[in-house]
Amino acid sequence: MMGLNGLFAILASLGGAIFVILVVGTVLFGKKITAGHKLTFPLHAGGGAIASHYGSEGTIKLPGTIVLVAVFFVSFVLYYFINWKYLAELWLFH
């Protein structure tokens, strides 16, 4: 379990470093916004029609998110119960 903890700490550090590199890279090398640039909402054509139909779909369109949530939830539950089992083995019941 400690090996997994170290592995996930490395992955978390790597993810944080990638985030910082992307943000700094975008600020330094991203497309510049000129003085005449006009930001409008919504940012795409037909935004009003899309916004009025938001949430009217019959099914959930987030399969990747659901899979990630399920993986993290299962790993959390397994880690939790494995640690309780390990703790119970260490305690001496007299």
PDB file of N, CA and C in Angstrom:
ATOM      1  N   MET A   1       0.818  -1.201   0.000  1.00  0.00           N
ATOM      2  CA  MET A   1       0.000   0.000   0.000  1.00  0.00           C
ATOM      3  C   MET A   1       0.859   1.260   0.000  1.00  0.00           C
ATOM      4  N   MET A   2       1.985   1.203   0.704  1.00  0.00           N
ATOM      5  CA  MET A   2       2.852   2.379   0.734  1.00  0.00           C
ATOM      6  C   MET A   2       3.450   2.630  -0.649  1.00  0.00           C
ATOM      7  N   GLY A   3       3.679   1.555  -1.401  1.00  0.00           N
ATOM      8  CA  GLY A   3       4.167   1.717  -2.766  1.00  0.00           C
ATOM      9  C   GLY A   3       3.144   2.435  -3.634  1.00  0.00           C
ATOM     10  N   LEU A   4       1.869   2.071  -3.463  1.00  0.00           N
ATOM     11  CA  LEU A   4       0.807   2.754  -4.209  1.00  0.00           C
ATOM     12  C   LEU A   4       0.719   4.216  -3.796  1.00  0.00           C
ATOM     13  N   ASN A   5       0.883   4.469  -2.503  1.00  0.00           N
ATOM     14  CA  ASN A   5       0.847   5.842  -2.018  1.00  0.00           C
ATOM     15  C   ASN A   5       1.964   6.661  -2.669  1.00  0.00           C
ATOM     16  N   GLY A   6       3.161   6.097  -2.735  1.00  0.00           N
ATOM     17  CA  GLY A   6       4.279   6.790  -3.387  1.00  0.00           C
ATOM     18  C   GLY A   6       4.037   7.003  -4.868  1.00  0.00           C
ATOM     19  N   LEU A   7       3.454   5.983  -5.523  1.00  0.00           N
ATOM     20  CA  LEU A   7       3.161   6.103  -6.951  1.00  0.00           C
ATOM     21  C   LEU A   7       2.155   7.219  -7.213  1.00  0.00           C
ATOM     22  N   PHE A   8       1.103   7.273  -6.414  1.00  0.00           N
ATOM     23  CA  PHE A   8       0.088   8.302  -6.619  1.00  0.00           C
ATOM     24  C   PHE A   8       0.589   9.683  -6.214  1.00  0.00           C
ATOM     25  N   ALA A   9       1.525   9.747  -5.270  1.00  0.00           N
ATOM     26  CA  ALA A   9       2.138  11.035  -4.940  1.00  0.00           C
ATOM     27  C   ALA A   9       2.961  11.546  -6.119  1.00  0.00           C
ATOM     28  N   ILE A  10       3.670  10.650  -6.772  1.00  0.00           N
ATOM     29  CA  ILE A  10       4.431  11.036  -7.970  1.00  0.00           C
ATOM     30  C   ILE A  10       3.488  11.486  -9.080  1.00  0.00           C
ATOM     31  N   LEU A  11       2.388  10.743  -9.285  1.00  0.00           N
ATOM     32  CA  LEU A  11       1.419  11.123 -10.314  1.00  0.00           C
ATOM     33  C   LEU A  11       0.780  12.479 -10.008  1.00  0.00           C
ATOM     34  N   ALA A  12       0.470  12.734  -8.739  1.00  0.00           N
ATOM     35  CA  ALA A  12      -0.117  14.022  -8.361  1.00  0.00           C
ATOM     36  C   ALA A  12       0.873  15.155  -8.595  1.00  0.00           C
ATOM     37  N   SER A  13       2.131  14.930  -8.248  1.00  0.00           N
ATOM     38  CA  SER A  13       3.155  15.951  -8.481  1.00  0.00           C
ATOM     39  C   SER A  13       3.343  16.208  -9.968  1.00  0.00           C
ATOM     40  N   LEU A  14       3.349  15.147 -10.742  1.00  0.00           N
ATOM     41  CA  LEU A  14       3.490  15.289 -12.195  1.00  0.00           C
ATOM     42  C   LEU A  14       2.302  16.054 -12.788  1.00  0.00           C
ATOM     43  N   GLY A  15       1.088  15.751 -12.324  1.00  0.00           N
ATOM     44  CA  GLY A  15      -0.098  16.467 -12.790  1.00  0.00           C
ATOM     45  C   GLY A  15      -0.055  17.938 -12.432  1.00  0.00           C
ATOM     46  N   GLY A  16       0.395  18.252 -11.211  1.00  0.00           N
ATOM     47  CA  GLY A  16       0.526  19.655 -10.810  1.00  0.00           C
ATOM     48  C   GLY A  16       1.566  20.381 -11.633  1.00  0.00           C
ATOM     49  N   ALA A  17       2.681  19.715 -11.917  1.00  0.00           N
ATOM     50  CA  ALA A  17       3.727  20.334 -12.742  1.00  0.00           C
ATOM     51  C   ALA A  17       3.229  20.575 -14.164  1.00  0.00           C
ATOM     52  N   ILE A  18       2.497  19.622 -14.723  1.00  0.00           N
ATOM     53  CA  ILE A  18       1.948  19.799 -16.071  1.00  0.00           C
ATOM     54  C   ILE A  18       0.970  20.965 -16.092  1.00  0.00           C
ATOM     55  N   PHE A  19       0.132  21.090 -15.050  1.00  0.00           N
ATOM     56  CA  PHE A  19      -0.807  22.200 -14.977  1.00  0.00           C
ATOM     57  C   PHE A  19      -0.075  23.539 -14.962  1.00  0.00           C
ATOM     58  N   VAL A  20       0.953  23.647 -14.122  1.00  0.00           N
ATOM     59  CA  VAL A  20       1.705  24.900 -14.024  1.00  0.00           C
ATOM     60  C   VAL A  20       2.394  25.205 -15.356  1.00  0.00           C
ATOM     61  N   ILE A  21       2.987  24.206 -15.988  1.00  0.00           N
ATOM     62  CA  ILE A  21       3.659  24.408 -17.281  1.00  0.00           C
ATOM     63  C   ILE A  21       2.662  24.874 -18.334  1.00  0.00           C
ATOM     64  N   LEU A  22       1.472  24.277 -18.363  1.00  0.00           N
ATOM     65  CA  LEU A  22       0.457  24.685 -19.344  1.00  0.00           C
ATOM     66  C   LEU A  22      -0.013  26.120 -19.114  1.00  0.00           C
ATOM     67  N   VAL A  23      -0.243  26.475 -17.851  1.00  0.00           N
ATOM     68  CA  VAL A  23      -0.709  27.834 -17.560  1.00  0.00           C
ATOM     69  C   VAL A  23       0.361  28.855 -17.910  1.00  0.00           C
ATOM     70  N   VAL A  24       1.591  28.618 -17.480  1.00  0.00           N
ATOM     71  CA  VAL A  24       2.677  29.560 -17.774  1.00  0.00           C
ATOM     72  C   VAL A  24       2.937  29.599 -19.273  1.00  0.00           C
ATOM     73  N   GLY A  25       2.913  28.446 -19.933  1.00  0.00           N
ATOM     74  CA  GLY A  25       3.111  28.411 -21.388  1.00  0.00           C
ATOM     75  C   GLY A  25       2.026  29.155 -22.141  1.00  0.00           C
ATOM     76  N   THR A  26       0.797  29.045 -21.678  1.00  0.00           N
ATOM     77  CA  THR A  26      -0.299  29.768 -22.327  1.00  0.00           C
ATOM     78  C   THR A  26      -0.146  31.271 -22.135  1.00  0.00           C
ATOM     79  N   VAL A  27       0.246  31.686 -20.944  1.00  0.00           N
ATOM     80  CA  VAL A  27       0.426  33.112 -20.683  1.00  0.00           C
ATOM     81  C   VAL A  27       1.574  33.666 -21.530  1.00  0.00           C
ATOM     82  N   LEU A  28       2.670  32.934 -21.616  1.00  0.00           N
ATOM     83  CA  LEU A  28       3.842  33.436 -22.326  1.00  0.00           C
ATOM     84  C   LEU A  28       3.749  33.270 -23.838  1.00  0.00           C
ATOM     85  N   PHE A  29       3.224  32.143 -24.307  1.00  0.00           N
ATOM     86  CA  PHE A  29       3.262  31.825 -25.736  1.00  0.00           C
ATOM     87  C   PHE A  29       1.887  31.698 -26.379  1.00  0.00           C
ATOM     88  N   GLY A  30       0.816  31.971 -25.647  1.00  0.00           N
ATOM     89  CA  GLY A  30      -0.533  31.847 -26.190  1.00  0.00           C
ATOM     90  C   GLY A  30      -0.887  32.982 -27.129  1.00  0.00           C
ATOM     91  N   LYS A  31      -2.022  32.819 -27.798  1.00  0.00           N
ATOM     92  CA  LYS A  31      -2.486  33.849 -28.725  1.00  0.00           C
ATOM     93  C   LYS A  31      -2.843  35.107 -27.949  1.00  0.00           C
ATOM     94  N   LYS A  32      -2.311  36.227 -28.377  1.00  0.00           N
ATOM     95  CA  LYS A  32      -2.536  37.504 -27.689  1.00  0.00           C
ATOM     96  C   LYS A  32      -3.913  38.070 -28.039  1.00  0.00           C
ATOM     97  N   ILE A  33      -4.525  38.732 -27.068  1.00  0.00           N
ATOM     98  CA  ILE A  33      -5.797  39.400 -27.292  1.00  0.00           C
ATOM     99  C   ILE A  33      -5.491  40.852 -27.619  1.00  0.00           C
ATOM    100  N   THR A  34      -5.928  41.291 -28.766  1.00  0.00           N
ATOM    101  CA  THR A  34      -5.642  42.660 -29.202  1.00  0.00           C
ATOM    102  C   THR A  34      -6.645  43.625 -28.577  1.00  0.00           C
ATOM    103  N   ALA A  35      -6.358  44.906 -28.710  1.00  0.00           N
ATOM    104  CA  ALA A  35      -7.210  45.935 -28.108  1.00  0.00           C
ATOM    105  C   ALA A  35      -8.598  45.958 -28.749  1.00  0.00           C
ATOM    106  N   GLY A  36      -8.708  45.623 -30.011  1.00  0.00           N
ATOM    107  CA  GLY A  36      -9.995  45.652 -30.692  1.00  0.00           C
ATOM    108  C   GLY A  36     -10.787  44.365 -30.551  1.00  0.00           C
ATOM    109  N   HIS A  37     -10.253  43.411 -29.827  1.00  0.00           N
ATOM    110  CA  HIS A  37     -10.918  42.121 -29.673  1.00  0.00           C
ATOM    111  C   HIS A  37     -12.173  42.288 -28.826  1.00  0.00           C
ATOM    112  N   LYS A  38     -13.265  41.729 -29.313  1.00  0.00           N
ATOM    113  CA  LYS A  38     -14.535  41.854 -28.611  1.00  0.00           C
ATOM    114  C   LYS A  38     -14.984  40.468 -28.159  1.00  0.00           C
ATOM    115  N   LEU A  39     -15.096  40.277 -26.861  1.00  0.00           N
ATOM    116  CA  LEU A  39     -15.539  39.008 -26.309  1.00  0.00           C
ATOM    117  C   LEU A  39     -17.050  39.051 -26.169  1.00  0.00           C
ATOM    118  N   THR A  40     -17.714  38.142 -26.825  1.00  0.00           N
ATOM    119  CA  THR A  40     -19.176  38.102 -26.770  1.00  0.00           C
ATOM    120  C   THR A  40     -19.620  36.797 -26.136  1.00  0.00           C
ATOM    121  N   PHE A  41     -20.766  36.829 -25.528  1.00  0.00           N
ATOM    122  CA  PHE A  41     -21.343  35.629 -24.952  1.00  0.00           C
ATOM    123  C   PHE A  41     -22.650  35.345 -25.639  1.00  0.00           C
ATOM    124  N   PRO A  42     -22.920  34.170 -26.025  1.00  0.00           N
ATOM    125  CA  PRO A  42     -22.095  32.971 -26.003  1.00  0.00           C
ATOM    126  C   PRO A  42     -20.998  33.020 -27.068  1.00  0.00           C
ATOM    127  N   LEU A  43     -19.996  32.215 -26.887  1.00  0.00           N
ATOM    128  CA  LEU A  43     -18.824  32.256 -27.754  1.00  0.00           C
ATOM    129  C   LEU A  43     -19.026  31.524 -29.076  1.00  0.00           C
ATOM    130  N   HIS A  44     -20.172  30.947 -29.309  1.00  0.00           N
ATOM    131  CA  HIS A  44     -20.438  30.248 -30.562  1.00  0.00           C
ATOM    132  C   HIS A  44     -21.790  30.687 -31.120  1.00  0.00           C
ATOM    133  N   ALA A  45     -21.993  30.436 -32.379  1.00  0.00           N
ATOM    134  CA  ALA A  45     -23.254  30.831 -33.010  1.00  0.00           C
ATOM    135  C   ALA A  45     -24.388  29.940 -32.512  1.00  0.00           C
ATOM    136  N   GLY A  46     -25.563  30.506 -32.391  1.00  0.00           N
ATOM    137  CA  GLY A  46     -26.730  29.749 -31.960  1.00  0.00           C
ATOM    138  C   GLY A  46     -26.732  29.445 -30.484  1.00  0.00           C
ATOM    139  N   GLY A  47     -26.073  30.263 -29.694  1.00  0.00           N
ATOM    140  CA  GLY A  47     -25.950  29.999 -28.266  1.00  0.00           C
ATOM    141  C   GLY A  47     -27.271  30.053 -27.535  1.00  0.00           C
ATOM    142  N   GLY A  48     -28.167  30.941 -27.942  1.00  0.00           N
ATOM    143  CA  GLY A  48     -29.455  31.043 -27.266  1.00  0.00           C
ATOM    144  C   GLY A  48     -30.274  29.778 -27.417  1.00  0.00           C
ATOM    145  N   ALA A  49     -30.266  29.214 -28.618  1.00  0.00           N
ATOM    146  CA  ALA A  49     -31.027  27.984 -28.852  1.00  0.00           C
ATOM    147  C   ALA A  49     -30.426  26.817 -28.086  1.00  0.00           C
ATOM    148  N   ILE A  50     -29.102  26.776 -28.026  1.00  0.00           N
ATOM    149  CA  ILE A  50     -28.455  25.694 -27.289  1.00  0.00           C
ATOM    150  C   ILE A  50     -28.714  25.837 -25.799  1.00  0.00           C
ATOM    151  N   ALA A  51     -28.640  27.060 -25.292  1.00  0.00           N
ATOM    152  CA  ALA A  51     -28.853  27.284 -23.861  1.00  0.00           C
ATOM    153  C   ALA A  51     -30.286  26.974 -23.448  1.00  0.00           C
ATOM    154  N   SER A  52     -31.252  27.194 -24.347  1.00  0.00           N
ATOM    155  CA  SER A  52     -32.638  26.931 -23.994  1.00  0.00           C
ATOM    156  C   SER A  52     -32.943  25.438 -23.959  1.00  0.00           C
ATOM    157  N   HIS A  53     -32.109  24.618 -24.607  1.00  0.00           N
ATOM    158  CA  HIS A  53     -32.338  23.174 -24.622  1.00  0.00           C
ATOM    159  C   HIS A  53     -31.366  22.429 -23.711  1.00  0.00           C
ATOM    160  N   TYR A  54     -30.621  23.151 -22.913  1.00  0.00           N
ATOM    161  CA  TYR A  54     -29.648  22.511 -22.029  1.00  0.00           C
ATOM    162  C   TYR A  54     -30.360  21.642 -20.999  1.00  0.00           C
ATOM    163  N   GLY A  55     -29.888  20.436 -20.841  1.00  0.00           N
ATOM    164  CA  GLY A  55     -30.460  19.529 -19.865  1.00  0.00           C
ATOM    165  C   GLY A  55     -31.674  18.777 -20.349  1.00  0.00           C
ATOM    166  N   SER A  56     -32.035  18.910 -21.615  1.00  0.00           N
ATOM    167  CA  SER A  56     -33.216  18.222 -22.105  1.00  0.00           C
ATOM    168  C   SER A  56     -32.893  16.841 -22.674  1.00  0.00           C
ATOM    169  N   GLU A  57     -31.640  16.429 -22.601  1.00  0.00           N
ATOM    170  CA  GLU A  57     -31.272  15.112 -23.109  1.00  0.00           C
ATOM    171  C   GLU A  57     -31.809  14.034 -22.173  1.00  0.00           C
ATOM    172  N   GLY A  58     -32.135  12.889 -22.757  1.00  0.00           N
ATOM    173  CA  GLY A  58     -32.688  11.800 -21.969  1.00  0.00           C
ATOM    174  C   GLY A  58     -31.642  10.962 -21.265  1.00  0.00           C
ATOM    175  N   THR A  59     -30.391  11.008 -21.727  1.00  0.00           N
ATOM    176  CA  THR A  59     -29.352  10.191 -21.128  1.00  0.00           C
ATOM    177  C   THR A  59     -28.198  11.068 -20.664  1.00  0.00           C
ATOM    178  N   ILE A  60     -27.369  10.504 -19.812  1.00  0.00           N
ATOM    179  CA  ILE A  60     -26.189  11.215 -19.323  1.00  0.00           C
ATOM    180  C   ILE A  60     -25.095  11.125 -20.378  1.00  0.00           C
ATOM    181  N   LYS A  61     -24.448  12.224 -20.675  1.00  0.00           N
ATOM    182  CA  LYS A  61     -23.421  12.263 -21.703  1.00  0.00           C
ATOM    183  C   LYS A  61     -22.022  12.377 -21.108  1.00  0.00           C
ATOM    184  N   LEU A  62     -21.778  11.805 -19.919  1.00  0.00           N
ATOM    185  CA  LEU A  62     -20.480  11.910 -19.253  1.00  0.00           C
ATOM    186  C   LEU A  62     -19.895  10.535 -18.943  1.00  0.00           C
ATOM    187  N   PRO A  63     -19.741   9.657 -19.927  1.00  0.00           N
ATOM    188  CA  PRO A  63     -19.279   8.311 -19.604  1.00  0.00           C
ATOM    189  C   PRO A  63     -17.863   8.289 -19.039  1.00  0.00           C
ATOM    190  N   GLY A  64     -16.961   9.132 -19.525  1.00  0.00           N
ATOM    191  CA  GLY A  64     -15.600   9.158 -19.015  1.00  0.00           C
ATOM    192  C   GLY A  64     -15.542   9.625 -17.581  1.00  0.00           C
ATOM    193  N   THR A  65     -16.332  10.625 -17.250  1.00  0.00           N
ATOM    194  CA  THR A  65     -16.376  11.138 -15.889  1.00  0.00           C
ATOM    195  C   THR A  65     -16.934  10.090 -14.938  1.00  0.00           C
ATOM    196  N   ILE A  66     -17.957   9.397 -15.353  1.00  0.00           N
ATOM    197  CA  ILE A  66     -18.560   8.374 -14.506  1.00  0.00           C
ATOM    198  C   ILE A  66     -17.572   7.239 -14.263  1.00  0.00           C
ATOM    199  N   VAL A  67     -16.824   6.846 -15.286  1.00  0.00           N
ATOM    200  CA  VAL A  67     -15.829   5.790 -15.126  1.00  0.00           C
ATOM    201  C   VAL A  67     -14.740   6.231 -14.151  1.00  0.00           C
ATOM    202  N   LEU A  68     -14.242   7.471 -14.278  1.00  0.00           N
ATOM    203  CA  LEU A  68     -13.219   7.955 -13.360  1.00  0.00           C
ATOM    204  C   LEU A  68     -13.730   8.021 -11.929  1.00  0.00           C
ATOM    205  N   VAL A  69     -14.946   8.498 -11.738  1.00  0.00           N
ATOM    206  CA  VAL A  69     -15.521   8.561 -10.395  1.00  0.00           C
ATOM    207  C   VAL A  69     -15.646   7.152  -9.818  1.00  0.00           C
ATOM    208  N   ALA A  70     -16.083   6.201 -10.630  1.00  0.00           N
ATOM    209  CA  ALA A  70     -16.224   4.828 -10.151  1.00  0.00           C
ATOM    210  C   ALA A  70     -14.868   4.233  -9.774  1.00  0.00           C
ATOM    211  N   VAL A  71     -13.844   4.468 -10.580  1.00  0.00           N
ATOM    212  CA  VAL A  71     -12.513   3.937 -10.288  1.00  0.00           C
ATOM    213  C   VAL A  71     -11.978   4.531  -8.986  1.00  0.00           C
ATOM    214  N   PHE A  72     -12.083   5.848  -8.828  1.00  0.00           N
ATOM    215  CA  PHE A  72     -11.594   6.479  -7.607  1.00  0.00           C
ATOM    216  C   PHE A  72     -12.394   6.052  -6.386  1.00  0.00           C
ATOM    217  N   PHE A  73     -13.696   5.890  -6.537  1.00  0.00           N
ATOM    218  CA  PHE A  73     -14.521   5.461  -5.408  1.00  0.00           C
ATOM    219  C   PHE A  73     -14.169   4.042  -4.984  1.00  0.00           C
ATOM    220  N   VAL A  74     -14.034   3.135  -5.943  1.00  0.00           N
ATOM    221  CA  VAL A  74     -13.689   1.748  -5.621  1.00  0.00           C
ATOM    222  C   VAL A  74     -12.308   1.682  -4.978  1.00  0.00           C
ATOM    223  N   SER A  75     -11.346   2.425  -5.517  1.00  0.00           N
ATOM    224  CA  SER A  75     -10.004   2.394  -4.927  1.00  0.00           C
ATOM    225  C   SER A  75     -10.013   2.989  -3.513  1.00  0.00           C
ATOM    226  N   PHE A  76     -10.793   4.029  -3.280  1.00  0.00           N
ATOM    227  CA  PHE A  76     -10.897   4.611  -1.943  1.00  0.00           C
ATOM    228  C   PHE A  76     -11.504   3.614  -0.966  1.00  0.00           C
ATOM    229  N   VAL A  77     -12.565   2.941  -1.356  1.00  0.00           N
ATOM    230  CA  VAL A  77     -13.222   1.977  -0.472  1.00  0.00           C
ATOM    231  C   VAL A  77     -12.285   0.810  -0.177  1.00  0.00           C
ATOM    232  N   LEU A  78     -11.604   0.295  -1.183  1.00  0.00           N
ATOM    233  CA  LEU A  78     -10.661  -0.796  -0.954  1.00  0.00           C
ATOM    234  C   LEU A  78      -9.536  -0.362  -0.029  1.00  0.00           C
ATOM    235  N   TYR A  79      -8.983   0.794  -0.269  1.00  0.00           N
ATOM    236  CA  TYR A  79      -7.895   1.300   0.570  1.00  0.00           C
ATOM    237  C   TYR A  79      -8.364   1.475   2.010  1.00  0.00           C
ATOM    238  N   TYR A  80      -9.566   1.986   2.187  1.00  0.00           N
ATOM    239  CA  TYR A  80     -10.127   2.202   3.521  1.00  0.00           C
ATOM    240  C   TYR A  80     -10.261   0.885   4.275  1.00  0.00           C
ATOM    241  N   PHE A  81     -10.881  -0.125   3.659  1.00  0.00           N
ATOM    242  CA  PHE A  81     -11.115  -1.386   4.354  1.00  0.00           C
ATOM    243  C   PHE A  81      -9.842  -2.201   4.531  1.00  0.00           C
ATOM    244  N   ILE A  82      -8.916  -2.114   3.594  1.00  0.00           N
ATOM    245  CA  ILE A  82      -7.635  -2.808   3.762  1.00  0.00           C
ATOM    246  C   ILE A  82      -6.874  -2.211   4.942  1.00  0.00           C
ATOM    247  N   ASN A  83      -6.914  -0.901   5.089  1.00  0.00           N
ATOM    248  CA  ASN A  83      -6.250  -0.276   6.235  1.00  0.00           C
ATOM    249  C   ASN A  83      -6.918  -0.662   7.550  1.00  0.00           C
ATOM    250  N   TRP A  84      -8.246  -0.778   7.578  1.00  0.00           N
ATOM    251  CA  TRP A  84      -8.916  -1.211   8.798  1.00  0.00           C
ATOM    252  C   TRP A  84      -8.546  -2.655   9.136  1.00  0.00           C
ATOM    253  N   LYS A  85      -8.446  -3.505   8.121  1.00  0.00           N
ATOM    254  CA  LYS A  85      -8.055  -4.900   8.365  1.00  0.00           C
ATOM    255  C   LYS A  85      -6.629  -4.948   8.908  1.00  0.00           C
ATOM    256  N   TYR A  86      -5.743  -4.175   8.339  1.00  0.00           N
ATOM    257  CA  TYR A  86      -4.356  -4.133   8.806  1.00  0.00           C
ATOM    258  C   TYR A  86      -4.281  -3.613  10.241  1.00  0.00           C
ATOM    259  N   LEU A  87      -5.055  -2.601  10.547  1.00  0.00           N
ATOM    260  CA  LEU A  87      -5.085  -2.048  11.899  1.00  0.00           C
ATOM    261  C   LEU A  87      -5.622  -3.077  12.896  1.00  0.00           C
ATOM    262  N   ALA A  88      -6.659  -3.825  12.498  1.00  0.00           N
ATOM    263  CA  ALA A  88      -7.230  -4.843  13.384  1.00  0.00           C
ATOM    264  C   ALA A  88      -6.234  -5.965  13.655  1.00  0.00           C
ATOM    265  N   GLU A  89      -5.383  -6.280  12.677  1.00  0.00           N
ATOM    266  CA  GLU A  89      -4.373  -7.307  12.886  1.00  0.00           C
ATOM    267  C   GLU A  89      -3.279  -6.831  13.828  1.00  0.00           C
ATOM    268  N   LEU A  90      -3.016  -5.543  13.851  1.00  0.00           N
ATOM    269  CA  LEU A  90      -1.964  -5.012  14.707  1.00  0.00           C
ATOM    270  C   LEU A  90      -2.405  -4.874  16.165  1.00  0.00           C
ATOM    271  N   TRP A  91      -3.687  -4.607  16.380  1.00  0.00           N
ATOM    272  CA  TRP A  91      -4.182  -4.453  17.739  1.00  0.00           C
ATOM    273  C   TRP A  91      -4.237  -5.819  18.405  1.00  0.00           C
ATOM    274  N   LEU A  92      -3.832  -5.853  19.620  1.00  0.00           N
ATOM    275  CA  LEU A  92      -3.907  -7.105  20.375  1.00  0.00           C
ATOM    276  C   LEU A  92      -5.143  -7.072  21.245  1.00  0.00           C
ATOM    277  N   PHE A  93      -5.985  -8.062  21.072  1.00  0.00           N
ATOM    278  CA  PHE A  93      -7.211  -8.149  21.863  1.00  0.00           C
ATOM    279  C   PHE A  93      -6.991  -9.173  22.958  1.00  0.00           C
ATOM    280  N   HIS A  94      -6.968  -8.727  24.209  1.00  0.00           N
ATOM    281  CA  HIS A  94      -6.776  -9.635  25.341  1.00  0.00           C
ATOM    282  C   HIS A  94      -8.032  -9.691  26.149  1.00  0.00           C
TER     283      HIS A  94
END
